[in-house]
Amino acid sequence: MLPYSSMVHVKSNAFRFLNKFWFYVFSVIAIFLGWLGGNPVEHPYLQIGQFFTIAYFIYFILLINLISFLD
């Protein structure tokens, strides 16, 4: 469903700064969540993991549609 949610005619990220920026932020979040998954379930890692998990899903639910609307 994700490819069909975009409302713009240009599908490339080369000319869309906002989409490119948020994709890099999403990539850093995904790598960070992978690193957090290898840590023990303790106080700081648990809360940080919950925050970045919410940020991970906000990218798909809100940001992709908002960015395509703004472009």
N, C-alpha and C. Protein backbone atom coordinates (compact mmCIF):
# COMPACT_ATOMS: atom_id res chain seq x y z
N MET A 1 0.82 -1.20 0.00
CA MET A 1 0.00 0.00 0.00
C MET A 1 0.86 1.26 0.00
N LEU A 2 2.09 1.17 0.49
CA LEU A 2 2.93 2.35 0.64
C LEU A 2 3.27 3.03 -0.69
N PRO A 3 3.60 2.32 -1.76
CA PRO A 3 3.89 3.02 -3.01
C PRO A 3 2.68 3.76 -3.59
N TYR A 4 1.50 3.30 -3.28
CA TYR A 4 0.30 3.94 -3.83
C TYR A 4 -0.19 5.12 -2.99
N SER A 5 0.43 5.35 -1.84
CA SER A 5 0.01 6.47 -1.00
C SER A 5 0.61 7.79 -1.46
N SER A 6 1.61 7.76 -2.31
CA SER A 6 2.25 8.98 -2.78
C SER A 6 1.37 9.64 -3.85
N MET A 7 1.16 10.95 -3.72
CA MET A 7 0.30 11.68 -4.64
C MET A 7 1.08 12.53 -5.64
N VAL A 8 2.40 12.45 -5.66
CA VAL A 8 3.19 13.27 -6.57
C VAL A 8 3.53 12.47 -7.82
N HIS A 9 3.84 13.19 -8.89
CA HIS A 9 4.15 12.53 -10.15
C HIS A 9 5.61 12.10 -10.23
N VAL A 10 6.50 12.84 -9.58
CA VAL A 10 7.92 12.49 -9.58
C VAL A 10 8.17 11.54 -8.42
N LYS A 11 8.56 10.33 -8.70
CA LYS A 11 8.75 9.33 -7.65
C LYS A 11 10.19 9.30 -7.12
N SER A 12 11.11 10.02 -7.75
CA SER A 12 12.51 10.00 -7.35
C SER A 12 12.76 10.93 -6.17
N ASN A 13 13.70 10.56 -5.33
CA ASN A 13 14.07 11.41 -4.20
C ASN A 13 15.10 12.46 -4.57
N ALA A 14 15.60 12.44 -5.80
CA ALA A 14 16.67 13.35 -6.19
C ALA A 14 16.23 14.81 -6.13
N PHE A 15 14.97 15.11 -6.37
CA PHE A 15 14.49 16.48 -6.41
C PHE A 15 13.58 16.82 -5.24
N ARG A 16 13.48 15.95 -4.27
CA ARG A 16 12.57 16.16 -3.13
C ARG A 16 13.38 16.17 -1.85
N PHE A 17 13.74 17.37 -1.38
CA PHE A 17 14.62 17.51 -0.22
C PHE A 17 13.99 16.95 1.04
N LEU A 18 12.72 17.26 1.31
CA LEU A 18 12.07 16.78 2.53
C LEU A 18 12.03 15.27 2.61
N ASN A 19 11.71 14.65 1.49
CA ASN A 19 11.63 13.19 1.47
C ASN A 19 13.01 12.57 1.69
N LYS A 20 14.01 13.16 1.08
CA LYS A 20 15.37 12.66 1.24
C LYS A 20 15.84 12.81 2.70
N PHE A 21 15.58 13.96 3.30
CA PHE A 21 15.97 14.21 4.68
C PHE A 21 15.30 13.22 5.63
N TRP A 22 13.99 13.04 5.51
CA TRP A 22 13.29 12.14 6.43
C TRP A 22 13.64 10.67 6.18
N PHE A 23 14.03 10.33 4.95
CA PHE A 23 14.50 8.98 4.70
C PHE A 23 15.80 8.71 5.43
N TYR A 24 16.71 9.68 5.45
CA TYR A 24 17.96 9.51 6.19
C TYR A 24 17.70 9.43 7.69
N VAL A 25 16.77 10.23 8.18
CA VAL A 25 16.41 10.14 9.60
C VAL A 25 15.83 8.76 9.91
N PHE A 26 14.97 8.26 9.03
CA PHE A 26 14.40 6.93 9.20
C PHE A 26 15.49 5.85 9.19
N SER A 27 16.48 5.99 8.33
CA SER A 27 17.57 5.01 8.27
C SER A 27 18.37 5.00 9.56
N VAL A 28 18.64 6.17 10.11
CA VAL A 28 19.38 6.24 11.38
C VAL A 28 18.57 5.62 12.50
N ILE A 29 17.26 5.86 12.51
CA ILE A 29 16.39 5.27 13.53
C ILE A 29 16.39 3.75 13.42
N ALA A 30 16.33 3.22 12.20
CA ALA A 30 16.31 1.77 12.01
C ALA A 30 17.63 1.14 12.47
N ILE A 31 18.76 1.77 12.17
CA ILE A 31 20.05 1.26 12.61
C ILE A 31 20.15 1.33 14.14
N PHE A 32 19.68 2.41 14.71
CA PHE A 32 19.73 2.58 16.16
C PHE A 32 18.85 1.55 16.85
N LEU A 33 17.68 1.24 16.28
CA LEU A 33 16.83 0.21 16.87
C LEU A 33 17.47 -1.16 16.78
N GLY A 34 18.21 -1.42 15.72
CA GLY A 34 18.94 -2.68 15.62
C GLY A 34 20.00 -2.79 16.70
N TRP A 35 20.69 -1.70 16.98
CA TRP A 35 21.68 -1.69 18.05
C TRP A 35 21.02 -1.86 19.41
N LEU A 36 19.89 -1.20 19.61
CA LEU A 36 19.17 -1.33 20.88
C LEU A 36 18.67 -2.75 21.12
N GLY A 37 18.35 -3.45 20.04
CA GLY A 37 17.87 -4.83 20.19
C GLY A 37 18.91 -5.77 20.75
N GLY A 38 20.18 -5.43 20.63
CA GLY A 38 21.24 -6.26 21.18
C GLY A 38 21.60 -5.94 22.61
N ASN A 39 21.00 -4.91 23.16
CA ASN A 39 21.29 -4.51 24.54
C ASN A 39 20.33 -5.20 25.50
N PRO A 40 20.74 -5.31 26.78
CA PRO A 40 19.85 -5.93 27.77
C PRO A 40 18.62 -5.05 28.04
N VAL A 41 17.57 -5.70 28.49
CA VAL A 41 16.33 -4.97 28.79
C VAL A 41 16.48 -4.34 30.17
N GLU A 42 16.96 -3.13 30.16
CA GLU A 42 17.18 -2.38 31.40
C GLU A 42 16.61 -0.98 31.24
N HIS A 43 16.77 -0.21 32.30
CA HIS A 43 16.13 1.10 32.40
C HIS A 43 16.38 2.04 31.21
N PRO A 44 17.59 2.42 30.86
CA PRO A 44 17.66 3.44 29.79
C PRO A 44 17.34 2.88 28.42
N TYR A 45 17.71 1.63 28.16
CA TYR A 45 17.50 1.06 26.84
C TYR A 45 16.03 0.83 26.53
N LEU A 46 15.26 0.49 27.53
CA LEU A 46 13.84 0.21 27.32
C LEU A 46 13.09 1.47 26.91
N GLN A 47 13.31 2.57 27.60
CA GLN A 47 12.60 3.82 27.27
C GLN A 47 13.09 4.40 25.94
N ILE A 48 14.37 4.31 25.69
CA ILE A 48 14.90 4.81 24.41
C ILE A 48 14.34 3.97 23.26
N GLY A 49 14.26 2.66 23.45
CA GLY A 49 13.70 1.78 22.43
C GLY A 49 12.24 2.05 22.16
N GLN A 50 11.47 2.34 23.20
CA GLN A 50 10.06 2.66 23.00
C GLN A 50 9.90 3.97 22.23
N PHE A 51 10.70 4.96 22.55
CA PHE A 51 10.63 6.24 21.84
C PHE A 51 10.96 6.08 20.36
N PHE A 52 12.04 5.36 20.06
CA PHE A 52 12.43 5.20 18.67
C PHE A 52 11.51 4.25 17.91
N THR A 53 10.84 3.33 18.59
CA THR A 53 9.84 2.50 17.93
C THR A 53 8.64 3.33 17.50
N ILE A 54 8.22 4.24 18.36
CA ILE A 54 7.12 5.15 17.99
C ILE A 54 7.54 6.03 16.82
N ALA A 55 8.77 6.54 16.84
CA ALA A 55 9.27 7.36 15.74
C ALA A 55 9.34 6.55 14.45
N TYR A 56 9.69 5.28 14.54
CA TYR A 56 9.77 4.40 13.37
C TYR A 56 8.41 4.28 12.68
N PHE A 57 7.36 4.06 13.46
CA PHE A 57 6.05 3.89 12.87
C PHE A 57 5.40 5.20 12.47
N ILE A 58 5.76 6.29 13.12
CA ILE A 58 5.25 7.61 12.71
C ILE A 58 5.73 7.94 11.30
N TYR A 59 6.92 7.49 10.94
CA TYR A 59 7.41 7.72 9.58
C TYR A 59 6.44 7.14 8.55
N PHE A 60 5.98 5.92 8.77
CA PHE A 60 5.09 5.28 7.81
C PHE A 60 3.67 5.83 7.87
N ILE A 61 3.18 6.10 9.05
CA ILE A 61 1.78 6.49 9.21
C ILE A 61 1.56 7.96 8.84
N LEU A 62 2.42 8.84 9.32
CA LEU A 62 2.18 10.27 9.14
C LEU A 62 3.10 10.95 8.14
N LEU A 63 4.39 10.74 8.26
CA LEU A 63 5.33 11.56 7.51
C LEU A 63 5.28 11.33 6.01
N ILE A 64 5.12 10.11 5.56
CA ILE A 64 5.10 9.86 4.12
C ILE A 64 3.91 10.55 3.48
N ASN A 65 2.75 10.48 4.10
CA ASN A 65 1.59 11.15 3.54
C ASN A 65 1.70 12.66 3.65
N LEU A 66 2.25 13.16 4.74
CA LEU A 66 2.41 14.60 4.91
C LEU A 66 3.41 15.17 3.91
N ILE A 67 4.52 14.49 3.69
CA ILE A 67 5.52 14.96 2.74
C ILE A 67 4.97 14.95 1.32
N SER A 68 4.24 13.93 0.95
CA SER A 68 3.67 13.88 -0.40
C SER A 68 2.61 14.97 -0.58
N PHE A 69 1.91 15.32 0.50
CA PHE A 69 0.93 16.40 0.44
C PHE A 69 1.61 17.75 0.27
N LEU A 70 2.75 17.95 0.96
CA LEU A 70 3.46 19.22 0.88
C LEU A 70 4.18 19.40 -0.46
N ASP A 71 4.59 18.31 -1.10
CA ASP A 71 5.24 18.42 -2.41
C ASP A 71 4.19 18.64 -3.45
